[in-house]
C-alpha cells in the first residue's frame, strides 16, 4: 500500500484518497469520501460523522466510530505511518 488513509494516516490505500473509490480502511474503518476530504467538518457523505470527528475517535479509541470496533485491526509493519514507524524501530 502506498497511500495513507485520511482518517488514521496508515498506508492502507492503493490509490490516493479522494479519488471516488469509497474504499474502507481495514485499520480504522473510515470510508474514503472526496467531499469529506475537502470539508473535514462535514457530516454529509459516505460517513455518518465528519472526518475531523473520526480522526479524534481514532486517536482515542483506535477506530473511526465505536460501532465499527469489531471490524478493525492493528496496522501491519508496512502500513504504519512515519511517526509510528520511527517509534517501533526505536523500541527494538
PDB file of N, CA and C in Angstrom:
ATOM      1  N   UNK A   1       0.850  -1.177   0.000  1.00  0.00           N
ATOM      2  CA  UNK A   1       0.000   0.000   0.000  1.00  0.00           C
ATOM      3  C   UNK A   1       0.895   1.241   0.000  1.00  0.00           C
ATOM      4  N   UNK A   2       0.537   2.190  -0.809  1.00  0.00           N
ATOM      5  CA  UNK A   2       1.399   3.354  -0.985  1.00  0.00           C
ATOM      6  C   UNK A   2       0.838   4.660  -0.467  1.00  0.00           C
ATOM      7  N   UNK A   3      -0.434   4.691  -0.112  1.00  0.00           N
ATOM      8  CA  UNK A   3      -1.070   5.949   0.243  1.00  0.00           C
ATOM      9  C   UNK A   3      -1.763   5.849   1.602  1.00  0.00           C
ATOM     10  N   UNK A   4      -1.737   6.955   2.368  1.00  0.00           N
ATOM     11  CA  UNK A   4      -2.336   6.924   3.706  1.00  0.00           C
ATOM     12  C   UNK A   4      -3.849   7.137   3.689  1.00  0.00           C
ATOM     13  N   UNK A   5      -4.492   6.555   4.660  1.00  0.00           N
ATOM     14  CA  UNK A   5      -5.912   6.781   4.918  1.00  0.00           C
ATOM     15  C   UNK A   5      -6.080   8.210   5.439  1.00  0.00           C
ATOM     16  N   UNK A   6      -7.158   8.862   5.061  1.00  0.00           N
ATOM     17  CA  UNK A   6      -7.426  10.229   5.522  1.00  0.00           C
ATOM     18  C   UNK A   6      -7.701  10.301   7.014  1.00  0.00           C
ATOM     19  N   UNK A   7      -8.183   9.222   7.584  1.00  0.00           N
ATOM     20  CA  UNK A   7      -8.548   9.216   8.996  1.00  0.00           C
ATOM     21  C   UNK A   7      -7.383   8.806   9.897  1.00  0.00           C
ATOM     22  N   UNK A   8      -6.871   7.591   9.720  1.00  0.00           N
ATOM     23  CA  UNK A   8      -5.839   7.070  10.635  1.00  0.00           C
ATOM     24  C   UNK A   8      -4.414   7.349  10.161  1.00  0.00           C
ATOM     25  N   UNK A   9      -4.253   7.727   8.902  1.00  0.00           N
ATOM     26  CA  UNK A   9      -2.960   8.056   8.291  1.00  0.00           C
ATOM     27  C   UNK A   9      -2.036   6.855   8.118  1.00  0.00           C
ATOM     28  N   UNK A  10      -2.582   5.654   8.235  1.00  0.00           N
ATOM     29  CA  UNK A  10      -1.786   4.463   7.948  1.00  0.00           C
ATOM     30  C   UNK A  10      -1.845   4.201   6.446  1.00  0.00           C
ATOM     31  N   UNK A  11      -0.812   3.591   5.929  1.00  0.00           N
ATOM     32  CA  UNK A  11      -0.683   3.359   4.493  1.00  0.00           C
ATOM     33  C   UNK A  11      -1.459   2.111   4.071  1.00  0.00           C
ATOM     34  N   UNK A  12      -2.773   2.240   4.020  1.00  0.00           N
ATOM     35  CA  UNK A  12      -3.658   1.119   3.703  1.00  0.00           C
ATOM     36  C   UNK A  12      -4.278   1.235   2.318  1.00  0.00           C
ATOM     37  N   UNK A  13      -3.955   2.282   1.588  1.00  0.00           N
ATOM     38  CA  UNK A  13      -4.616   2.546   0.307  1.00  0.00           C
ATOM     39  C   UNK A  13      -3.704   2.284  -0.887  1.00  0.00           C
ATOM     40  N   UNK A  14      -4.298   1.766  -1.971  1.00  0.00           N
ATOM     41  CA  UNK A  14      -3.573   1.558  -3.228  1.00  0.00           C
ATOM     42  C   UNK A  14      -3.560   2.823  -4.079  1.00  0.00           C
ATOM     43  N   UNK A  15      -4.505   3.721  -3.815  1.00  0.00           N
ATOM     44  CA  UNK A  15      -4.629   4.967  -4.569  1.00  0.00           C
ATOM     45  C   UNK A  15      -4.765   6.124  -3.586  1.00  0.00           C
ATOM     46  N   UNK A  16      -4.474   7.340  -4.036  1.00  0.00           N
ATOM     47  CA  UNK A  16      -4.639   8.494  -3.139  1.00  0.00           C
ATOM     48  C   UNK A  16      -6.092   8.648  -2.689  1.00  0.00           C
ATOM     49  N   UNK A  17      -6.287   9.194  -1.507  1.00  0.00           N
ATOM     50  CA  UNK A  17      -7.632   9.481  -1.001  1.00  0.00           C
ATOM     51  C   UNK A  17      -8.328  10.474  -1.912  1.00  0.00           C
ATOM     52  N   UNK A  18      -9.635  10.393  -1.934  1.00  0.00           N
ATOM     53  CA  UNK A  18     -10.421  11.371  -2.670  1.00  0.00           C
ATOM     54  C   UNK A  18     -10.611  11.065  -4.136  1.00  0.00           C
ATOM     55  N   UNK A  19     -10.354   9.840  -4.566  1.00  0.00           N
ATOM     56  CA  UNK A  19     -10.482   9.523  -5.994  1.00  0.00           C
ATOM     57  C   UNK A  19     -11.797   8.814  -6.326  1.00  0.00           C
ATOM     58  N   UNK A  20     -12.788   8.960  -5.461  1.00  0.00           N
ATOM     59  CA  UNK A  20     -14.134   8.416  -5.675  1.00  0.00           C
ATOM     60  C   UNK A  20     -14.188   6.890  -5.665  1.00  0.00           C
ATOM     61  N   UNK A  21     -13.273   6.238  -4.944  1.00  0.00           N
ATOM     62  CA  UNK A  21     -13.354   4.778  -4.849  1.00  0.00           C
ATOM     63  C   UNK A  21     -14.114   4.328  -3.599  1.00  0.00           C
ATOM     64  N   UNK A  22     -14.302   5.225  -2.638  1.00  0.00           N
ATOM     65  CA  UNK A  22     -15.059   4.947  -1.411  1.00  0.00           C
ATOM     66  C   UNK A  22     -14.562   3.679  -0.709  1.00  0.00           C
ATOM     67  N   UNK A  23     -13.259   3.475  -0.746  1.00  0.00           N
ATOM     68  CA  UNK A  23     -12.621   2.324  -0.114  1.00  0.00           C
ATOM     69  C   UNK A  23     -12.701   2.447   1.407  1.00  0.00           C
ATOM     70  N   UNK A  24     -12.902   1.329   2.082  1.00  0.00           N
ATOM     71  CA  UNK A  24     -12.966   1.314   3.546  1.00  0.00           C
ATOM     72  C   UNK A  24     -11.628   0.845   4.094  1.00  0.00           C
ATOM     73  N   UNK A  25     -11.076   1.624   4.999  1.00  0.00           N
ATOM     74  CA  UNK A  25      -9.782   1.305   5.602  1.00  0.00           C
ATOM     75  C   UNK A  25      -9.945   0.139   6.580  1.00  0.00           C
ATOM     76  N   UNK A  26      -9.116  -0.905   6.469  1.00  0.00           N
ATOM     77  CA  UNK A  26      -9.222  -2.036   7.387  1.00  0.00           C
ATOM     78  C   UNK A  26      -8.690  -1.742   8.792  1.00  0.00           C
ATOM     79  N   UNK A  27      -7.943  -0.651   8.938  1.00  0.00           N
ATOM     80  CA  UNK A  27      -7.370  -0.297  10.240  1.00  0.00           C
ATOM     81  C   UNK A  27      -8.332   0.547  11.072  1.00  0.00           C
ATOM     82  N   UNK A  28      -9.016   1.513  10.460  1.00  0.00           N
ATOM     83  CA  UNK A  28      -9.914   2.394  11.228  1.00  0.00           C
ATOM     84  C   UNK A  28     -11.375   2.324  10.787  1.00  0.00           C
ATOM     85  N   UNK A  29     -11.637   1.685   9.645  1.00  0.00           N
ATOM     86  CA  UNK A  29     -12.967   1.514   9.066  1.00  0.00           C
ATOM     87  C   UNK A  29     -13.578   2.820   8.562  1.00  0.00           C
ATOM     88  N   UNK A  30     -12.753   3.782   8.201  1.00  0.00           N
ATOM     89  CA  UNK A  30     -13.222   5.015   7.572  1.00  0.00           C
ATOM     90  C   UNK A  30     -13.462   4.736   6.096  1.00  0.00           C
ATOM     91  N   UNK A  31     -14.618   5.167   5.579  1.00  0.00           N
ATOM     92  CA  UNK A  31     -14.896   5.048   4.150  1.00  0.00           C
ATOM     93  C   UNK A  31     -14.437   6.327   3.473  1.00  0.00           C
ATOM     94  N   UNK A  32     -13.491   6.196   2.574  1.00  0.00           N
ATOM     95  CA  UNK A  32     -12.938   7.367   1.902  1.00  0.00           C
ATOM     96  C   UNK A  32     -14.036   8.098   1.132  1.00  0.00           C
ATOM     97  N   UNK A  33     -14.100   9.408   1.318  1.00  0.00           N
ATOM     98  CA  UNK A  33     -15.113  10.237   0.680  1.00  0.00           C
ATOM     99  C   UNK A  33     -14.449  11.532   0.229  1.00  0.00           C
ATOM    100  N   UNK A  34     -14.436  11.817  -1.077  1.00  0.00           N
ATOM    101  CA  UNK A  34     -13.757  13.016  -1.563  1.00  0.00           C
ATOM    102  C   UNK A  34     -14.331  14.316  -1.004  1.00  0.00           C
ATOM    103  N   UNK A  35     -15.634  14.368  -0.753  1.00  0.00           N
ATOM    104  CA  UNK A  35     -16.246  15.581  -0.198  1.00  0.00           C
ATOM    105  C   UNK A  35     -15.758  15.804   1.232  1.00  0.00           C
ATOM    106  N   UNK A  36     -15.732  14.752   2.028  1.00  0.00           N
ATOM    107  CA  UNK A  36     -15.289  14.889   3.415  1.00  0.00           C
ATOM    108  C   UNK A  36     -13.781  15.138   3.503  1.00  0.00           C
ATOM    109  N   UNK A  37     -13.018  14.726   2.498  1.00  0.00           N
ATOM    110  CA  UNK A  37     -11.594  15.065   2.473  1.00  0.00           C
ATOM    111  C   UNK A  37     -11.398  16.564   2.290  1.00  0.00           C
ATOM    112  N   UNK A  38     -12.238  17.171   1.460  1.00  0.00           N
ATOM    113  CA  UNK A  38     -12.148  18.614   1.205  1.00  0.00           C
ATOM    114  C   UNK A  38     -12.763  19.411   2.353  1.00  0.00           C
ATOM    115  N   UNK A  39     -13.847  18.888   2.924  1.00  0.00           N
ATOM    116  CA  UNK A  39     -14.576  19.548   4.015  1.00  0.00           C
ATOM    117  C   UNK A  39     -14.587  18.614   5.229  1.00  0.00           C
ATOM    118  N   UNK A  40     -13.497  18.567   6.007  1.00  0.00           N
ATOM    119  CA  UNK A  40     -13.368  17.587   7.089  1.00  0.00           C
ATOM    120  C   UNK A  40     -14.370  17.734   8.236  1.00  0.00           C
ATOM    121  N   UNK A  41     -15.084  18.844   8.305  1.00  0.00           N
ATOM    122  CA  UNK A  41     -16.097  19.012   9.349  1.00  0.00           C
ATOM    123  C   UNK A  41     -17.502  18.667   8.860  1.00  0.00           C
ATOM    124  N   UNK A  42     -17.609  18.269   7.591  1.00  0.00           N
ATOM    125  CA  UNK A  42     -18.902  17.926   7.004  1.00  0.00           C
ATOM    126  C   UNK A  42     -19.353  16.540   7.453  1.00  0.00           C
ATOM    127  N   UNK A  43     -20.625  16.446   7.820  1.00  0.00           N
ATOM    128  CA  UNK A  43     -21.206  15.157   8.203  1.00  0.00           C
ATOM    129  C   UNK A  43     -22.031  14.568   7.067  1.00  0.00           C
ATOM    130  N   UNK A  44     -22.022  15.211   5.909  1.00  0.00           N
ATOM    131  CA  UNK A  44     -22.776  14.661   4.782  1.00  0.00           C
ATOM    132  C   UNK A  44     -21.807  13.921   3.866  1.00  0.00           C
ATOM    133  N   UNK A  45     -22.250  12.786   3.402  1.00  0.00           N
ATOM    134  CA  UNK A  45     -21.403  11.978   2.535  1.00  0.00           C
ATOM    135  C   UNK A  45     -21.483  10.517   2.909  1.00  0.00           C
ATOM    136  N   UNK A  46     -20.426   9.797   2.659  1.00  0.00           N
ATOM    137  CA  UNK A  46     -20.400   8.346   2.866  1.00  0.00           C
ATOM    138  C   UNK A  46     -20.412   7.943   4.337  1.00  0.00           C
ATOM    139  N   UNK A  47     -19.996   8.839   5.218  1.00  0.00           N
ATOM    140  CA  UNK A  47     -19.870   8.522   6.641  1.00  0.00           C
ATOM    141  C   UNK A  47     -20.877   9.308   7.472  1.00  0.00           C
ATOM    142  N   UNK A  48     -21.301   8.728   8.582  1.00  0.00           N
ATOM    143  CA  UNK A  48     -22.293   9.372   9.450  1.00  0.00           C
ATOM    144  C   UNK A  48     -21.700  10.509  10.274  1.00  0.00           C
ATOM    145  N   UNK A  49     -20.383  10.512  10.428  1.00  0.00           N
ATOM    146  CA  UNK A  49     -19.712  11.565  11.193  1.00  0.00           C
ATOM    147  C   UNK A  49     -18.698  12.264  10.300  1.00  0.00           C
ATOM    148  N   UNK A  50     -18.189  13.383  10.759  1.00  0.00           N
ATOM    149  CA  UNK A  50     -17.202  14.122   9.974  1.00  0.00           C
ATOM    150  C   UNK A  50     -15.835  13.449  10.051  1.00  0.00           C
ATOM    151  N   UNK A  51     -14.980  13.782   9.111  1.00  0.00           N
ATOM    152  CA  UNK A  51     -13.612  13.273   9.115  1.00  0.00           C
ATOM    153  C   UNK A  51     -12.878  13.736  10.368  1.00  0.00           C
ATOM    154  N   UNK A  52     -13.112  14.979  10.779  1.00  0.00           N
ATOM    155  CA  UNK A  52     -12.462  15.505  11.992  1.00  0.00           C
ATOM    156  C   UNK A  52     -12.858  14.687  13.223  1.00  0.00           C
ATOM    157  N   UNK A  53     -14.147  14.352  13.340  1.00  0.00           N
ATOM    158  CA  UNK A  53     -14.609  13.515  14.462  1.00  0.00           C
ATOM    159  C   UNK A  53     -13.998  12.117  14.388  1.00  0.00           C
ATOM    160  N   UNK A  54     -13.942  11.568  13.192  1.00  0.00           N
ATOM    161  CA  UNK A  54     -13.377  10.229  13.006  1.00  0.00           C
ATOM    162  C   UNK A  54     -11.898  10.204  13.388  1.00  0.00           C
ATOM    163  N   UNK A  55     -11.167  11.258  13.037  1.00  0.00           N
ATOM    164  CA  UNK A  55      -9.750  11.338  13.404  1.00  0.00           C
ATOM    165  C   UNK A  55      -9.589  11.398  14.920  1.00  0.00           C
ATOM    166  N   UNK A  56     -10.438  12.178  15.581  1.00  0.00           N
ATOM    167  CA  UNK A  56     -10.412  12.239  17.053  1.00  0.00           C
ATOM    168  C   UNK A  56     -10.727  10.868  17.652  1.00  0.00           C
ATOM    169  N   UNK A  57     -11.745  10.210  17.104  1.00  0.00           N
ATOM    170  CA  UNK A  57     -12.104   8.872  17.584  1.00  0.00           C
ATOM    171  C   UNK A  57     -10.948   7.898  17.402  1.00  0.00           C
ATOM    172  N   UNK A  58     -10.277   7.970  16.264  1.00  0.00           N
ATOM    173  CA  UNK A  58      -9.162   7.050  16.029  1.00  0.00           C
ATOM    174  C   UNK A  58      -8.051   7.277  17.055  1.00  0.00           C
ATOM    175  N   UNK A  59      -7.762   8.527  17.340  1.00  0.00           N
ATOM    176  CA  UNK A  59      -6.727   8.830  18.331  1.00  0.00           C
ATOM    177  C   UNK A  59      -7.105   8.291  19.710  1.00  0.00           C
ATOM    178  N   UNK A  60      -8.381   8.378  20.047  1.00  0.00           N
ATOM    179  CA  UNK A  60      -8.857   7.946  21.366  1.00  0.00           C
ATOM    180  C   UNK A  60      -9.115   6.446  21.469  1.00  0.00           C
ATOM    181  N   UNK A  61      -9.757   5.887  20.437  1.00  0.00           N
ATOM    182  CA  UNK A  61     -10.267   4.520  20.532  1.00  0.00           C
ATOM    183  C   UNK A  61      -9.665   3.527  19.533  1.00  0.00           C
ATOM    184  N   UNK A  62      -8.950   4.036  18.530  1.00  0.00           N
ATOM    185  CA  UNK A  62      -8.381   3.146  17.518  1.00  0.00           C
ATOM    186  C   UNK A  62      -9.368   2.723  16.446  1.00  0.00           C
ATOM    187  N   UNK A  63     -10.451   3.500  16.279  1.00  0.00           N
ATOM    188  CA  UNK A  63     -11.478   3.214  15.279  1.00  0.00           C
ATOM    189  C   UNK A  63     -12.192   4.525  14.934  1.00  0.00           C
ATOM    190  N   UNK A  64     -12.661   4.653  13.698  1.00  0.00           N
ATOM    191  CA  UNK A  64     -13.325   5.895  13.290  1.00  0.00           C
ATOM    192  C   UNK A  64     -14.644   6.118  14.028  1.00  0.00           C
ATOM    193  N   UNK A  65     -15.394   5.050  14.262  1.00  0.00           N
ATOM    194  CA  UNK A  65     -16.629   5.094  15.047  1.00  0.00           C
ATOM    195  C   UNK A  65     -16.674   3.845  15.917  1.00  0.00           C
ATOM    196  N   UNK A  66     -17.073   3.984  17.158  1.00  0.00           N
ATOM    197  CA  UNK A  66     -17.097   2.846  18.082  1.00  0.00           C
ATOM    198  C   UNK A  66     -17.934   1.673  17.570  1.00  0.00           C
ATOM    199  N   UNK A  67     -18.976   1.952  16.812  1.00  0.00           N
ATOM    200  CA  UNK A  67     -19.831   0.865  16.308  1.00  0.00           C
ATOM    201  C   UNK A  67     -19.094  -0.068  15.346  1.00  0.00           C
ATOM    202  N   UNK A  68     -17.925   0.357  14.860  1.00  0.00           N
ATOM    203  CA  UNK A  68     -17.143  -0.467  13.937  1.00  0.00           C
ATOM    204  C   UNK A  68     -15.974  -1.179  14.609  1.00  0.00           C
ATOM    205  N   UNK A  69     -15.912  -1.148  15.907  1.00  0.00           N
ATOM    206  CA  UNK A  69     -14.768  -1.691  16.640  1.00  0.00           C
ATOM    207  C   UNK A  69     -14.453  -3.148  16.275  1.00  0.00           C
ATOM    208  N   UNK A  70     -15.465  -3.959  16.059  1.00  0.00           N
ATOM    209  CA  UNK A  70     -15.218  -5.379  15.758  1.00  0.00           C
ATOM    210  C   UNK A  70     -14.687  -5.603  14.336  1.00  0.00           C
ATOM    211  N   UNK A  71     -14.701  -4.567  13.498  1.00  0.00           N
ATOM    212  CA  UNK A  71     -14.265  -4.705  12.106  1.00  0.00           C
ATOM    213  C   UNK A  71     -12.816  -4.283  11.868  1.00  0.00           C
ATOM    214  N   UNK A  72     -12.188  -3.655  12.839  1.00  0.00           N
ATOM    215  CA  UNK A  72     -10.855  -3.092  12.603  1.00  0.00           C
ATOM    216  C   UNK A  72      -9.745  -4.021  13.080  1.00  0.00           C
ATOM    217  N   UNK A  73      -8.533  -3.697  12.643  1.00  0.00           N
ATOM    218  CA  UNK A  73      -7.348  -4.442  13.058  1.00  0.00           C
ATOM    219  C   UNK A  73      -6.197  -3.464  13.236  1.00  0.00           C
ATOM    220  N   UNK A  74      -5.149  -3.913  13.854  1.00  0.00           N
ATOM    221  CA  UNK A  74      -3.945  -3.093  14.013  1.00  0.00           C
ATOM    222  C   UNK A  74      -3.236  -2.996  12.663  1.00  0.00           C
ATOM    223  N   UNK A  75      -2.521  -1.902  12.414  1.00  0.00           N
ATOM    224  CA  UNK A  75      -1.756  -1.808  11.163  1.00  0.00           C
ATOM    225  C   UNK A  75      -0.565  -2.763  11.191  1.00  0.00           C
ATOM    226  N   UNK A  76      -0.245  -3.339  10.045  1.00  0.00           N
ATOM    227  CA  UNK A  76       0.959  -4.164   9.985  1.00  0.00           C
ATOM    228  C   UNK A  76       2.179  -3.253   9.806  1.00  0.00           C
ATOM    229  N   UNK A  77       3.355  -3.811   9.838  1.00  0.00           N
ATOM    230  CA  UNK A  77       4.582  -3.005   9.783  1.00  0.00           C
ATOM    231  C   UNK A  77       4.681  -2.156   8.520  1.00  0.00           C
ATOM    232  N   UNK A  78       4.185  -2.641   7.399  1.00  0.00           N
ATOM    233  CA  UNK A  78       4.254  -1.886   6.148  1.00  0.00           C
ATOM    234  C   UNK A  78       3.228  -0.760   6.084  1.00  0.00           C
ATOM    235  N   UNK A  79       2.207  -0.831   6.901  1.00  0.00           N
ATOM    236  CA  UNK A  79       1.140   0.176   6.887  1.00  0.00           C
ATOM    237  C   UNK A  79       1.349   1.302   7.888  1.00  0.00           C
ATOM    238  N   UNK A  80       2.236   1.120   8.827  1.00  0.00           N
ATOM    239  CA  UNK A  80       2.418   2.134   9.876  1.00  0.00           C
ATOM    240  C   UNK A  80       2.786   3.486   9.271  1.00  0.00           C
ATOM    241  N   UNK A  81       2.257   4.551   9.895  1.00  0.00           N
ATOM    242  CA  UNK A  81       2.636   5.885   9.437  1.00  0.00           C
ATOM    243  C   UNK A  81       4.056   6.187   9.909  1.00  0.00           C
ATOM    244  N   UNK A  82       4.671   7.214   9.383  1.00  0.00           N
ATOM    245  CA  UNK A  82       6.078   7.516   9.660  1.00  0.00           C
ATOM    246  C   UNK A  82       6.373   7.673  11.143  1.00  0.00           C
ATOM    247  N   UNK A  83       5.494   8.349  11.867  1.00  0.00           N
ATOM    248  CA  UNK A  83       5.696   8.570  13.301  1.00  0.00           C
ATOM    249  C   UNK A  83       5.711   7.241  14.056  1.00  0.00           C
ATOM    250  N   UNK A  84       4.759   6.383  13.762  1.00  0.00           N
ATOM    251  CA  UNK A  84       4.712   5.068  14.406  1.00  0.00           C
ATOM    252  C   UNK A  84       5.880   4.192  13.984  1.00  0.00           C
ATOM    253  N   UNK A  85       6.277   4.296  12.724  1.00  0.00           N
ATOM    254  CA  UNK A  85       7.398   3.512  12.221  1.00  0.00           C
ATOM    255  C   UNK A  85       8.665   3.845  13.006  1.00  0.00           C
ATOM    256  N   UNK A  86       8.904   5.135  13.228  1.00  0.00           N
ATOM    257  CA  UNK A  86      10.080   5.569  13.983  1.00  0.00           C
ATOM    258  C   UNK A  86      10.014   5.091  15.429  1.00  0.00           C
ATOM    259  N   UNK A  87       8.828   5.151  16.029  1.00  0.00           N
ATOM    260  CA  UNK A  87       8.642   4.701  17.407  1.00  0.00           C
ATOM    261  C   UNK A  87       8.867   3.190  17.511  1.00  0.00           C
ATOM    262  N   UNK A  88       8.364   2.448  16.536  1.00  0.00           N
ATOM    263  CA  UNK A  88       8.502   0.994  16.513  1.00  0.00           C
ATOM    264  C   UNK A  88       9.984   0.595  16.393  1.00  0.00           C
ATOM    265  N   UNK A  89      10.727   1.280  15.550  1.00  0.00           N
ATOM    266  CA  UNK A  89      12.151   0.988  15.346  1.00  0.00           C
ATOM    267  C   UNK A  89      12.949   1.289  16.607  1.00  0.00           C
ATOM    268  N   UNK A  90      12.639   2.396  17.276  1.00  0.00           N
ATOM    269  CA  UNK A  90      13.400   2.784  18.467  1.00  0.00           C
ATOM    270  C   UNK A  90      13.162   1.837  19.641  1.00  0.00           C
ATOM    271  N   UNK A  91      12.040   1.093  19.637  1.00  0.00           N
ATOM    272  CA  UNK A  91      11.744   0.149  20.717  1.00  0.00           C
ATOM    273  C   UNK A  91      12.464  -1.184  20.534  1.00  0.00           C
ATOM    274  N   UNK A  92      13.012  -1.433  19.350  1.00  0.00           N
ATOM    275  CA  UNK A  92      13.705  -2.705  19.089  1.00  0.00           C
ATOM    276  C   UNK A  92      15.065  -2.744  19.729  1.00  0.00           C
TER     277      UNK A  92
END
